[in-house]
C-alpha atoms as a PDB file:
ATOM      1  CA  UNK A   1      -8.726  -2.110   5.622  1.00  0.00           C
ATOM      2  CA  UNK A   2      -5.659  -0.214   6.850  1.00  0.00           C
ATOM      3  CA  UNK A   3      -3.334  -2.865   5.373  1.00  0.00           C
ATOM      4  CA  UNK A   4      -5.112  -2.645   1.966  1.00  0.00           C
ATOM      5  CA  UNK A   5      -4.733   1.206   1.970  1.00  0.00           C
ATOM      6  CA  UNK A   6      -1.086   0.854   2.918  1.00  0.00           C
ATOM      7  CA  UNK A   7      -0.565  -1.637   0.008  1.00  0.00           C
ATOM      8  CA  UNK A   8      -2.193   0.698  -2.440  1.00  0.00           C
ATOM      9  CA  UNK A   9       0.087   3.482  -1.442  1.00  0.00           C
ATOM     10  CA  UNK A  10       2.994   1.383  -1.433  1.00  0.00           C
ATOM     11  CA  UNK A  11       2.206   0.143  -5.089  1.00  0.00           C
ATOM     12  CA  UNK A  12       1.696   3.723  -6.187  1.00  0.00           C
ATOM     13  CA  UNK A  13       5.048   4.894  -4.643  1.00  0.00           C
ATOM     14  CA  UNK A  14       6.903   1.892  -6.006  1.00  0.00           C
ATOM     15  CA  UNK A  15       5.555   2.369  -9.496  1.00  0.00           C
ATOM     16  CA  UNK A  16       6.630   6.001  -9.510  1.00  0.00           C
ATOM     17  CA  UNK A  17      10.134   5.073  -8.243  1.00  0.00           C
ATOM     18  CA  UNK A  18      10.552   2.330 -10.859  1.00  0.00           C
ATOM     19  CA  UNK A  19       9.381   4.584 -13.628  1.00  0.00           C
ATOM     20  CA  UNK A  20      11.796   7.277 -12.613  1.00  0.00           C
ATOM     21  CA  UNK A  21      14.665   4.929 -12.367  1.00  0.00           C
ATOM     22  CA  UNK A  22      13.788   3.440 -15.806  1.00  0.00           C
ATOM     23  CA  UNK A  23      13.261   6.960 -17.253  1.00  0.00           C
ATOM     24  CA  UNK A  24       9.851   5.754 -18.383  1.00  0.00           C
ATOM     25  CA  UNK A  25       7.093   8.315 -19.180  1.00  0.00           C
ATOM     26  CA  UNK A  26       4.895   9.146 -16.224  1.00  0.00           C
ATOM     27  CA  UNK A  27       1.409  10.680 -16.035  1.00  0.00           C
ATOM     28  CA  UNK A  28       2.297  12.965 -13.242  1.00  0.00           C
ATOM     29  CA  UNK A  29      -1.269  14.291 -12.716  1.00  0.00           C
ATOM     30  CA  UNK A  30      -2.690  10.751 -12.369  1.00  0.00           C
ATOM     31  CA  UNK A  31       0.209   9.749 -10.049  1.00  0.00           C
ATOM     32  CA  UNK A  32      -0.393  12.721  -7.875  1.00  0.00           C
ATOM     33  CA  UNK A  33      -4.134  12.038  -7.755  1.00  0.00           C
ATOM     34  CA  UNK A  34      -3.463   8.444  -6.726  1.00  0.00           C
ATOM     35  CA  UNK A  35      -1.067   9.542  -3.955  1.00  0.00           C
ATOM     36  CA  UNK A  36      -3.564  12.196  -2.653  1.00  0.00           C
ATOM     37  CA  UNK A  37      -6.320   9.663  -2.589  1.00  0.00           C
ATOM     38  CA  UNK A  38      -4.198   7.191  -0.723  1.00  0.00           C
ATOM     39  CA  UNK A  39      -3.052   9.769   1.721  1.00  0.00           C
ATOM     40  CA  UNK A  40      -6.644  11.019   2.324  1.00  0.00           C
ATOM     41  CA  UNK A  41      -7.700   7.393   2.902  1.00  0.00           C
ATOM     42  CA  UNK A  42      -4.812   6.715   5.325  1.00  0.00           C
ATOM     43  CA  UNK A  43      -5.662   9.992   7.148  1.00  0.00           C
ATOM     44  CA  UNK A  44      -9.228   8.866   7.579  1.00  0.00           C
ATOM     45  CA  UNK A  45      -8.303   5.303   8.642  1.00  0.00           C
ATOM     46  CA  UNK A  46      -5.830   6.390  11.111  1.00  0.00           C
ATOM     47  CA  UNK A  47      -7.590   9.386  12.732  1.00  0.00           C
ATOM     48  CA  UNK A  48      -8.393   7.478  15.850  1.00  0.00           C
ATOM     49  CA  UNK A  49      -5.656   4.809  15.719  1.00  0.00           C
ATOM     50  CA  UNK A  50      -3.490   4.236  18.695  1.00  0.00           C
ATOM     51  CA  UNK A  51       0.047   3.506  17.324  1.00  0.00           C
ATOM     52  CA  UNK A  52       0.830   1.236  20.257  1.00  0.00           C
ATOM     53  CA  UNK A  53      -2.180  -1.052  19.343  1.00  0.00           C
ATOM     54  CA  UNK A  54      -0.871  -1.860  15.822  1.00  0.00           C
ATOM     55  CA  UNK A  55      -0.620  -5.574  15.170  1.00  0.00           C
ATOM     56  CA  UNK A  56       2.671  -6.995  13.624  1.00  0.00           C
ATOM     57  CA  UNK A  57       1.325  -7.212  10.104  1.00  0.00           C
ATOM     58  CA  UNK A  58       0.389  -3.581  10.054  1.00  0.00           C
ATOM     59  CA  UNK A  59       3.735  -2.561  11.619  1.00  0.00           C
ATOM     60  CA  UNK A  60       5.550  -4.588   8.839  1.00  0.00           C
ATOM     61  CA  UNK A  61       3.577  -2.817   6.095  1.00  0.00           C
ATOM     62  CA  UNK A  62       4.198   0.471   7.612  1.00  0.00           C
ATOM     63  CA  UNK A  63       7.947  -0.226   7.772  1.00  0.00           C
ATOM     64  CA  UNK A  64       8.050  -1.428   4.160  1.00  0.00           C
ATOM     65  CA  UNK A  65       6.134   1.787   3.057  1.00  0.00           C
ATOM     66  CA  UNK A  66       8.585   3.909   5.082  1.00  0.00           C
ATOM     67  CA  UNK A  67      11.558   2.265   3.264  1.00  0.00           C
ATOM     68  CA  UNK A  68       9.850   2.640  -0.138  1.00  0.00           C
ATOM     69  CA  UNK A  69       9.056   6.287   0.614  1.00  0.00           C
ATOM     70  CA  UNK A  70      12.704   6.803   1.553  1.00  0.00           C
ATOM     71  CA  UNK A  71      13.985   5.288  -1.745  1.00  0.00           C
ATOM     72  CA  UNK A  72      11.327   7.353  -3.654  1.00  0.00           C
ATOM     73  CA  UNK A  73      12.529  10.581  -1.968  1.00  0.00           C
ATOM     74  CA  UNK A  74      16.096   9.803  -3.075  1.00  0.00           C
ATOM     75  CA  UNK A  75      15.062   9.175  -6.745  1.00  0.00           C
ATOM     76  CA  UNK A  76      12.723  12.228  -6.872  1.00  0.00           C
ATOM     77  CA  UNK A  77      15.549  14.415  -5.379  1.00  0.00           C
ATOM     78  CA  UNK A  78      17.987  13.144  -7.969  1.00  0.00           C
ATOM     79  CA  UNK A  79      15.510  14.032 -10.792  1.00  0.00           C
ATOM     80  CA  UNK A  80      14.889  17.285  -9.306  1.00  0.00           C
ATOM     81  CA  UNK A  81      18.555  18.145  -9.295  1.00  0.00           C
ATOM     82  CA  UNK A  82      18.882  17.024 -12.881  1.00  0.00           C
ATOM     83  CA  UNK A  83      16.022  19.291 -13.751  1.00  0.00           C
ATOM     84  CA  UNK A  84      17.676  22.172 -12.035  1.00  0.00           C
ATOM     85  CA  UNK A  85      20.945  21.552 -13.871  1.00  0.00           C
ATOM     86  CA  UNK A  86      19.106  21.437 -17.212  1.00  0.00           C
ATOM     87  CA  UNK A  87      17.379  24.673 -16.353  1.00  0.00           C
ATOM     88  CA  UNK A  88      20.683  26.307 -15.440  1.00  0.00           C
ATOM     89  CA  UNK A  89      22.186  25.003 -18.771  1.00  0.00           C
ATOM     90  CA  UNK A  90      19.242  26.383 -20.690  1.00  0.00           C
ATOM     91  CA  UNK A  91      19.432  29.724 -18.977  1.00  0.00           C
ATOM     92  CA  UNK A  92      23.092  29.987 -19.647  1.00  0.00           C
ATOM     93  CA  UNK A  93      22.559  29.132 -23.352  1.00  0.00           C
ATOM     94  CA  UNK A  94      19.781  31.733 -23.576  1.00  0.00           C
ATOM     95  CA  UNK A  95      22.012  34.466 -22.088  1.00  0.00           C
ATOM     96  CA  UNK A  96      24.908  33.544 -24.441  1.00  0.00           C
ATOM     97  CA  UNK A  97      22.489  33.559 -27.351  1.00  0.00           C
ATOM     98  CA  UNK A  98      21.493  37.127 -26.417  1.00  0.00           C
ATOM     99  CA  UNK A  99      25.022  38.157 -26.914  1.00  0.00           C
ATOM    100  CA  UNK A 100      25.947  35.942 -29.833  1.00  0.00           C
ATOM    101  CA  UNK A 101      27.954  38.714 -31.609  1.00  0.00           C
ATOM    102  CA  UNK A 102      25.154  39.563 -34.140  1.00  0.00           C
ATOM    103  CA  UNK A 103      25.558  43.289 -33.544  1.00  0.00           C
ATOM    104  CA  UNK A 104      29.296  43.280 -32.859  1.00  0.00           C
ATOM    105  CA  UNK A 105      29.967  41.409 -36.111  1.00  0.00           C
ATOM    106  CA  UNK A 106      28.907  44.565 -38.023  1.00  0.00           C
ATOM    107  CA  UNK A 107      31.450  46.593 -36.086  1.00  0.00           C
ATOM    108  CA  UNK A 108      34.350  44.346 -36.825  1.00  0.00           C
ATOM    109  CA  UNK A 109      33.446  43.647 -40.548  1.00  0.00           C
ATOM    110  CA  UNK A 110      36.165  45.953 -41.781  1.00  0.00           C
ATOM    111  CA  UNK A 111      39.418  44.810 -43.291  1.00  0.00           C
ATOM    112  CA  UNK A 112      41.305  42.179 -41.371  1.00  0.00           C
ATOM    113  CA  UNK A 113      38.285  41.114 -39.430  1.00  0.00           C
ATOM    114  CA  UNK A 114      37.665  37.950 -41.338  1.00  0.00           C
ATOM    115  CA  UNK A 115      34.227  38.950 -42.388  1.00  0.00           C
ATOM    116  CA  UNK A 116      33.335  39.697 -45.954  1.00  0.00           C
ATOM    117  CA  UNK A 117      30.591  41.796 -47.176  1.00  0.00           C
END
């Protein structure tokens, strides 16, 4: 039962990572629900588990999940940095739009300004 839960979480994490790498559309709400369900299931299954008593198969699945989670963390962090950069670019564009010269053009519309009425 534990191995099945680990496999489900591994599949979910891997699907998210692959979609992010491929820049494919994601249903973030469904993805978060699936991860939450898996984590709740793992919490319940491992509540009374002695880590020293894990068999080799379970240890292998845990190690593989750890590796996939590390890769997922890298990809998610990369996307978050990209979102931050886009946000900063949009904020800078909005600020420059606020001072686009709309009001100062009237002041400089006299002779020699290059503006005609």
